[in-house]
Amino acid sequence: MRSRDYDLDFRDRARRIRAWGIGLLALAALLWTWCLLLLLTPYEVDRKPDDRHPEACESRLFTERGTANDGLYRHDWCQNERDWPEALAVLGLSLPATAAGVALFTIGTVTRAMSAHSEAMRELDKLAAAPKA
């Protein structure tokens, strides 16, 4: 295999690695968005199936009442609908995707830049070795 073919194949692999990193970062962004929606948006809870008047609940993060922490003894239906472990599980799933995405994106970008630098150095060496007129 000639060096130019090898270099083009090397850059193509770097591009694919970088694309995987971008994909994982997009997945992590979706998971972060889902977690933020779980924590920041108000929601409604049905007291029984097909309830015509559902209970309105405050968002988990910005509540001033006890809906997020206590409430079953007061017949507060918001208590178990959006629980903290669900939001934390989504956040926990996003961390490996974020770490892997950043690593792959960085590896792909640096590999491609090093390949371009190497090609530029080879071209400069050819110019330096050329006979001077």
N, C-alpha and C. Protein backbone atom coordinates (compact mmCIF):
# COMPACT_ATOMS: atom_id res chain seq x y z
N MET A 1 0.85 -1.17 0.00
CA MET A 1 0.00 0.00 0.00
C MET A 1 0.89 1.23 0.00
N ARG A 2 0.59 2.15 -0.86
CA ARG A 2 1.37 3.37 -0.96
C ARG A 2 1.04 4.28 0.22
N SER A 3 1.97 5.17 0.54
CA SER A 3 1.78 6.01 1.73
C SER A 3 0.57 6.92 1.60
N ARG A 4 0.28 7.40 0.41
CA ARG A 4 -0.89 8.27 0.24
C ARG A 4 -2.18 7.49 0.49
N ASP A 5 -2.26 6.26 -0.02
CA ASP A 5 -3.44 5.43 0.23
C ASP A 5 -3.59 5.14 1.71
N TYR A 6 -2.46 4.82 2.35
CA TYR A 6 -2.50 4.55 3.79
C TYR A 6 -2.95 5.79 4.56
N ASP A 7 -2.46 6.95 4.15
CA ASP A 7 -2.83 8.20 4.84
C ASP A 7 -4.31 8.51 4.66
N LEU A 8 -4.84 8.29 3.46
CA LEU A 8 -6.27 8.53 3.22
C LEU A 8 -7.12 7.56 4.04
N ASP A 9 -6.68 6.31 4.12
CA ASP A 9 -7.40 5.33 4.95
C ASP A 9 -7.33 5.72 6.43
N PHE A 10 -6.18 6.19 6.86
CA PHE A 10 -5.98 6.64 8.24
C PHE A 10 -6.91 7.80 8.57
N ARG A 11 -7.02 8.76 7.65
CA ARG A 11 -7.91 9.91 7.86
C ARG A 11 -9.38 9.49 7.85
N ASP A 12 -9.72 8.51 7.02
CA ASP A 12 -11.09 8.03 6.99
C ASP A 12 -11.47 7.36 8.31
N ARG A 13 -10.55 6.56 8.86
CA ARG A 13 -10.80 5.95 10.17
C ARG A 13 -10.95 7.03 11.24
N ALA A 14 -10.12 8.07 11.18
CA ALA A 14 -10.22 9.17 12.15
C ALA A 14 -11.56 9.88 12.02
N ARG A 15 -12.04 10.05 10.79
CA ARG A 15 -13.34 10.69 10.57
C ARG A 15 -14.46 9.84 11.16
N ARG A 16 -14.39 8.51 10.99
CA ARG A 16 -15.42 7.63 11.55
C ARG A 16 -15.39 7.65 13.08
N ILE A 17 -14.20 7.64 13.66
CA ILE A 17 -14.08 7.71 15.13
C ILE A 17 -14.68 9.02 15.64
N ARG A 18 -14.39 10.11 14.95
CA ARG A 18 -14.94 11.41 15.34
C ARG A 18 -16.46 11.42 15.21
N ALA A 19 -16.98 10.79 14.17
CA ALA A 19 -18.43 10.72 13.98
C ALA A 19 -19.10 9.92 15.11
N TRP A 20 -18.47 8.83 15.55
CA TRP A 20 -18.99 8.08 16.69
C TRP A 20 -19.01 8.95 17.94
N GLY A 21 -17.96 9.74 18.12
CA GLY A 21 -17.91 10.65 19.26
C GLY A 21 -19.04 11.67 19.22
N ILE A 22 -19.30 12.22 18.04
CA ILE A 22 -20.40 13.19 17.90
C ILE A 22 -21.73 12.51 18.19
N GLY A 23 -21.90 11.27 17.71
CA GLY A 23 -23.13 10.53 17.98
C GLY A 23 -23.35 10.29 19.47
N LEU A 24 -22.29 9.90 20.18
CA LEU A 24 -22.41 9.67 21.61
C LEU A 24 -22.67 10.96 22.37
N LEU A 25 -22.07 12.05 21.92
CA LEU A 25 -22.34 13.35 22.56
C LEU A 25 -23.78 13.79 22.31
N ALA A 26 -24.32 13.48 21.14
CA ALA A 26 -25.73 13.80 20.87
C ALA A 26 -26.65 12.97 21.77
N LEU A 27 -26.30 11.69 21.94
CA LEU A 27 -27.07 10.84 22.86
C LEU A 27 -27.02 11.38 24.28
N ALA A 28 -25.84 11.79 24.71
CA ALA A 28 -25.69 12.35 26.06
C ALA A 28 -26.50 13.65 26.20
N ALA A 29 -26.54 14.46 25.15
CA ALA A 29 -27.33 15.70 25.20
C ALA A 29 -28.82 15.38 25.32
N LEU A 30 -29.27 14.34 24.63
CA LEU A 30 -30.68 13.93 24.77
C LEU A 30 -30.98 13.46 26.19
N LEU A 31 -30.07 12.70 26.77
CA LEU A 31 -30.27 12.23 28.15
C LEU A 31 -30.27 13.39 29.14
N TRP A 32 -29.39 14.37 28.95
CA TRP A 32 -29.37 15.55 29.81
C TRP A 32 -30.67 16.33 29.66
N THR A 33 -31.18 16.45 28.43
CA THR A 33 -32.44 17.14 28.20
C THR A 33 -33.59 16.43 28.89
N TRP A 34 -33.61 15.11 28.79
CA TRP A 34 -34.65 14.32 29.45
C TRP A 34 -34.61 14.53 30.96
N CYS A 35 -33.40 14.50 31.53
CA CYS A 35 -33.23 14.71 32.97
C CYS A 35 -33.73 16.11 33.36
N LEU A 36 -33.39 17.12 32.58
CA LEU A 36 -33.85 18.47 32.88
C LEU A 36 -35.37 18.58 32.78
N LEU A 37 -35.96 17.91 31.80
CA LEU A 37 -37.42 17.93 31.69
C LEU A 37 -38.07 17.27 32.91
N LEU A 38 -37.48 16.17 33.38
CA LEU A 38 -38.02 15.51 34.56
C LEU A 38 -37.95 16.40 35.80
N LEU A 39 -36.91 17.19 35.89
CA LEU A 39 -36.70 18.01 37.09
C LEU A 39 -37.36 19.38 37.02
N LEU A 40 -37.51 19.95 35.84
CA LEU A 40 -37.93 21.35 35.73
C LEU A 40 -39.38 21.57 35.31
N THR A 41 -40.03 20.57 34.75
CA THR A 41 -41.38 20.82 34.24
C THR A 41 -42.45 20.36 35.23
N PRO A 42 -43.53 21.14 35.37
CA PRO A 42 -44.66 20.68 36.18
C PRO A 42 -45.37 19.53 35.47
N TYR A 43 -46.14 18.76 36.21
CA TYR A 43 -46.78 17.59 35.64
C TYR A 43 -48.10 17.34 36.34
N GLU A 44 -48.88 16.40 35.81
CA GLU A 44 -50.17 16.04 36.39
C GLU A 44 -50.19 14.56 36.70
N VAL A 45 -50.95 14.20 37.74
CA VAL A 45 -51.05 12.81 38.17
C VAL A 45 -52.52 12.42 38.26
N ASP A 46 -52.85 11.28 37.71
CA ASP A 46 -54.21 10.74 37.85
C ASP A 46 -54.33 10.03 39.18
N ARG A 47 -55.40 10.32 39.91
CA ARG A 47 -55.63 9.63 41.18
C ARG A 47 -56.17 8.23 40.95
N LYS A 48 -56.87 8.05 39.85
CA LYS A 48 -57.40 6.74 39.46
C LYS A 48 -57.36 6.70 37.93
N PRO A 49 -57.48 5.55 37.32
CA PRO A 49 -57.44 5.49 35.86
C PRO A 49 -58.53 6.35 35.22
N ASP A 50 -58.19 7.01 34.15
CA ASP A 50 -59.10 7.89 33.40
C ASP A 50 -59.70 8.99 34.28
N ASP A 51 -58.87 9.58 35.12
CA ASP A 51 -59.31 10.66 36.00
C ASP A 51 -59.57 11.92 35.18
N ARG A 52 -60.74 12.55 35.37
CA ARG A 52 -61.07 13.75 34.62
C ARG A 52 -60.43 15.00 35.22
N HIS A 53 -60.07 14.94 36.48
CA HIS A 53 -59.47 16.08 37.15
C HIS A 53 -58.16 15.63 37.80
N PRO A 54 -57.09 15.55 37.00
CA PRO A 54 -55.82 15.10 37.58
C PRO A 54 -55.24 16.13 38.55
N GLU A 55 -54.42 15.62 39.43
CA GLU A 55 -53.74 16.47 40.43
C GLU A 55 -52.59 17.20 39.74
N ALA A 56 -52.52 18.52 39.87
CA ALA A 56 -51.43 19.32 39.32
C ALA A 56 -50.26 19.30 40.30
N CYS A 57 -49.09 19.00 39.79
CA CYS A 57 -47.88 18.90 40.63
C CYS A 57 -46.84 19.90 40.15
N GLU A 58 -46.09 20.42 41.11
CA GLU A 58 -45.00 21.34 40.78
C GLU A 58 -43.80 20.55 40.27
N SER A 59 -42.87 21.25 39.66
CA SER A 59 -41.65 20.58 39.20
C SER A 59 -40.86 20.08 40.41
N ARG A 60 -40.08 19.05 40.21
CA ARG A 60 -39.33 18.46 41.31
C ARG A 60 -38.27 19.39 41.86
N LEU A 61 -37.65 20.17 41.03
CA LEU A 61 -36.52 20.97 41.48
C LEU A 61 -36.94 22.28 42.13
N PHE A 62 -38.01 22.90 41.65
CA PHE A 62 -38.39 24.22 42.13
C PHE A 62 -39.65 24.21 42.98
N THR A 63 -39.87 23.17 43.73
CA THR A 63 -41.06 23.11 44.56
C THR A 63 -40.79 23.82 45.89
N GLU A 64 -41.82 24.53 46.38
CA GLU A 64 -41.72 25.16 47.68
C GLU A 64 -42.51 24.39 48.72
N ARG A 65 -43.39 23.53 48.24
CA ARG A 65 -44.17 22.71 49.16
C ARG A 65 -43.46 21.38 49.34
N GLY A 66 -44.07 20.50 50.08
CA GLY A 66 -43.46 19.21 50.35
C GLY A 66 -43.77 18.13 49.35
N THR A 67 -44.21 18.49 48.15
CA THR A 67 -44.61 17.47 47.18
C THR A 67 -43.45 16.60 46.74
N ALA A 68 -42.26 17.14 46.75
CA ALA A 68 -41.12 16.37 46.27
C ALA A 68 -40.57 15.43 47.34
N ASN A 69 -40.85 15.68 48.59
CA ASN A 69 -40.19 14.92 49.64
C ASN A 69 -41.12 14.15 50.56
N ASP A 70 -42.26 14.67 50.85
CA ASP A 70 -43.22 13.95 51.70
C ASP A 70 -44.61 14.19 51.15
N GLY A 71 -45.55 13.34 51.51
CA GLY A 71 -46.86 13.63 50.99
C GLY A 71 -47.86 12.50 51.00
N LEU A 72 -47.44 11.26 51.06
CA LEU A 72 -48.41 10.17 51.01
C LEU A 72 -49.34 10.18 52.22
N TYR A 73 -48.84 10.56 53.37
CA TYR A 73 -49.70 10.59 54.56
C TYR A 73 -50.71 11.73 54.48
N ARG A 74 -50.45 12.72 53.62
CA ARG A 74 -51.39 13.82 53.40
C ARG A 74 -52.23 13.59 52.14
N HIS A 75 -52.15 12.41 51.57
CA HIS A 75 -52.84 12.06 50.33
C HIS A 75 -52.39 12.94 49.17
N ASP A 76 -51.10 13.18 49.12
CA ASP A 76 -50.52 13.95 48.03
C ASP A 76 -50.11 12.97 46.94
N TRP A 77 -50.77 13.02 45.81
CA TRP A 77 -50.56 12.05 44.74
C TRP A 77 -49.29 12.32 43.95
N CYS A 78 -48.67 13.45 44.15
CA CYS A 78 -47.47 13.81 43.39
C CYS A 78 -46.22 13.08 43.86
N GLN A 79 -46.26 12.54 45.07
CA GLN A 79 -45.08 11.97 45.71
C GLN A 79 -44.37 10.93 44.84
N ASN A 80 -45.08 9.95 44.34
CA ASN A 80 -44.42 8.82 43.68
C ASN A 80 -44.40 8.90 42.17
N GLU A 81 -44.95 9.94 41.60
CA GLU A 81 -45.04 9.99 40.14
C GLU A 81 -43.68 10.25 39.49
N ARG A 82 -43.00 11.30 39.91
CA ARG A 82 -41.66 11.60 39.40
C ARG A 82 -40.72 11.55 40.59
N ASP A 83 -40.03 10.47 40.71
CA ASP A 83 -39.15 10.29 41.85
C ASP A 83 -37.72 10.66 41.48
N TRP A 84 -36.92 11.04 42.46
CA TRP A 84 -35.53 11.43 42.23
C TRP A 84 -34.70 10.30 41.62
N PRO A 85 -34.86 9.04 42.01
CA PRO A 85 -34.02 8.01 41.41
C PRO A 85 -34.15 7.90 39.89
N GLU A 86 -35.33 8.18 39.36
CA GLU A 86 -35.49 8.13 37.90
C GLU A 86 -34.64 9.20 37.22
N ALA A 87 -34.70 10.42 37.73
CA ALA A 87 -33.91 11.51 37.15
C ALA A 87 -32.41 11.25 37.32
N LEU A 88 -32.03 10.73 38.47
CA LEU A 88 -30.61 10.44 38.70
C LEU A 88 -30.13 9.26 37.84
N ALA A 89 -31.00 8.31 37.56
CA ALA A 89 -30.63 7.20 36.69
C ALA A 89 -30.38 7.70 35.27
N VAL A 90 -31.22 8.60 34.80
CA VAL A 90 -31.02 9.18 33.47
C VAL A 90 -29.71 9.96 33.44
N LEU A 91 -29.46 10.72 34.48
CA LEU A 91 -28.21 11.47 34.58
C LEU A 91 -27.01 10.53 34.63
N GLY A 92 -27.14 9.43 35.39
CA GLY A 92 -26.06 8.45 35.47
C GLY A 92 -25.78 7.77 34.14
N LEU A 93 -26.83 7.53 33.34
CA LEU A 93 -26.63 6.94 32.01
C LEU A 93 -25.93 7.89 31.06
N SER A 94 -26.11 9.18 31.28
CA SER A 94 -25.49 10.15 30.38
C SER A 94 -23.99 10.30 30.61
N LEU A 95 -23.52 9.98 31.80
CA LEU A 95 -22.09 10.19 32.10
C LEU A 95 -21.16 9.31 31.28
N PRO A 96 -21.40 7.98 31.17
CA PRO A 96 -20.52 7.18 30.31
C PRO A 96 -20.61 7.59 28.83
N ALA A 97 -21.80 7.95 28.38
CA ALA A 97 -21.95 8.39 26.99
C ALA A 97 -21.17 9.68 26.76
N THR A 98 -21.21 10.59 27.73
CA THR A 98 -20.47 11.84 27.61
C THR A 98 -18.96 11.59 27.59
N ALA A 99 -18.49 10.77 28.52
CA ALA A 99 -17.05 10.49 28.60
C ALA A 99 -16.55 9.80 27.33
N ALA A 100 -17.28 8.80 26.86
CA ALA A 100 -16.86 8.09 25.65
C ALA A 100 -16.95 9.01 24.44
N GLY A 101 -17.99 9.83 24.37
CA GLY A 101 -18.13 10.76 23.24
C GLY A 101 -17.01 11.77 23.18
N VAL A 102 -16.66 12.33 24.33
CA VAL A 102 -15.56 13.30 24.37
C VAL A 102 -14.25 12.63 23.98
N ALA A 103 -14.02 11.43 24.49
CA ALA A 103 -12.77 10.72 24.17
C ALA A 103 -12.69 10.41 22.67
N LEU A 104 -13.74 9.86 22.09
CA LEU A 104 -13.72 9.52 20.67
C LEU A 104 -13.62 10.76 19.79
N PHE A 105 -14.35 11.81 20.13
CA PHE A 105 -14.27 13.04 19.35
C PHE A 105 -12.85 13.62 19.40
N THR A 106 -12.24 13.61 20.57
CA THR A 106 -10.88 14.15 20.71
C THR A 106 -9.88 13.30 19.95
N ILE A 107 -9.98 11.98 20.08
CA ILE A 107 -9.06 11.09 19.37
C ILE A 107 -9.17 11.29 17.87
N GLY A 108 -10.39 11.34 17.35
CA GLY A 108 -10.59 11.52 15.92
C GLY A 108 -10.06 12.85 15.43
N THR A 109 -10.29 13.91 16.18
CA THR A 109 -9.83 15.23 15.78
C THR A 109 -8.31 15.32 15.81
N VAL A 110 -7.70 14.84 16.88
CA VAL A 110 -6.24 14.90 17.00
C VAL A 110 -5.57 14.01 15.96
N THR A 111 -6.13 12.84 15.72
CA THR A 111 -5.56 11.92 14.72
C THR A 111 -5.57 12.57 13.34
N ARG A 112 -6.67 13.17 12.99
CA ARG A 112 -6.76 13.83 11.68
C ARG A 112 -5.79 15.01 11.58
N ALA A 113 -5.68 15.79 12.65
CA ALA A 113 -4.76 16.93 12.64
C ALA A 113 -3.30 16.46 12.54
N MET A 114 -2.98 15.38 13.23
CA MET A 114 -1.60 14.85 13.17
C MET A 114 -1.30 14.31 11.77
N SER A 115 -2.28 13.71 11.14
CA SER A 115 -2.09 13.21 9.78
C SER A 115 -1.84 14.36 8.81
N ALA A 116 -2.61 15.43 8.95
CA ALA A 116 -2.41 16.60 8.09
C ALA A 116 -1.04 17.23 8.35
N HIS A 117 -0.64 17.28 9.60
CA HIS A 117 0.69 17.82 9.93
C HIS A 117 1.78 16.96 9.32
N SER A 118 1.63 15.66 9.43
CA SER A 118 2.63 14.74 8.87
C SER A 118 2.74 14.90 7.36
N GLU A 119 1.60 15.06 6.69
CA GLU A 119 1.63 15.26 5.24
C GLU A 119 2.32 16.58 4.89
N ALA A 120 2.03 17.63 5.65
CA ALA A 120 2.68 18.92 5.41
C ALA A 120 4.19 18.82 5.62
N MET A 121 4.62 18.08 6.62
CA MET A 121 6.06 17.91 6.86
C MET A 121 6.72 17.14 5.72
N ARG A 122 6.03 16.11 5.20
CA ARG A 122 6.58 15.37 4.06
C ARG A 122 6.73 16.27 2.84
N GLU A 123 5.74 17.13 2.59
CA GLU A 123 5.81 18.06 1.46
C GLU A 123 6.96 19.05 1.65
N LEU A 124 7.15 19.54 2.88
CA LEU A 124 8.26 20.46 3.14
C LEU A 124 9.61 19.76 2.95
N ASP A 125 9.70 18.50 3.36
CA ASP A 125 10.94 17.75 3.16
C ASP A 125 11.24 17.56 1.67
N LYS A 126 10.18 17.32 0.87
CA LYS A 126 10.38 17.17 -0.59
C LYS A 126 10.87 18.48 -1.18
N LEU A 127 10.29 19.59 -0.73
CA LEU A 127 10.74 20.90 -1.24
C LEU A 127 12.18 21.21 -0.82
N ALA A 128 12.53 20.82 0.39
CA ALA A 128 13.89 21.07 0.87
C ALA A 128 14.91 20.18 0.15
N ALA A 129 14.50 18.98 -0.23
CA ALA A 129 15.42 18.05 -0.89
C ALA A 129 15.51 18.29 -2.40
N ALA A 130 14.62 19.09 -2.94
CA ALA A 130 14.63 19.35 -4.39
C ALA A 130 15.88 20.16 -4.75
N PRO A 131 16.42 19.87 -5.92
CA PRO A 131 17.63 20.64 -6.33
C PRO A 131 17.28 22.11 -6.55
N LYS A 132 18.18 22.93 -6.09
CA LYS A 132 17.95 24.37 -6.18
C LYS A 132 18.46 24.87 -7.52
N ALA A 133 17.68 25.71 -8.10
CA ALA A 133 18.08 26.21 -9.43
C ALA A 133 18.82 27.50 -9.34
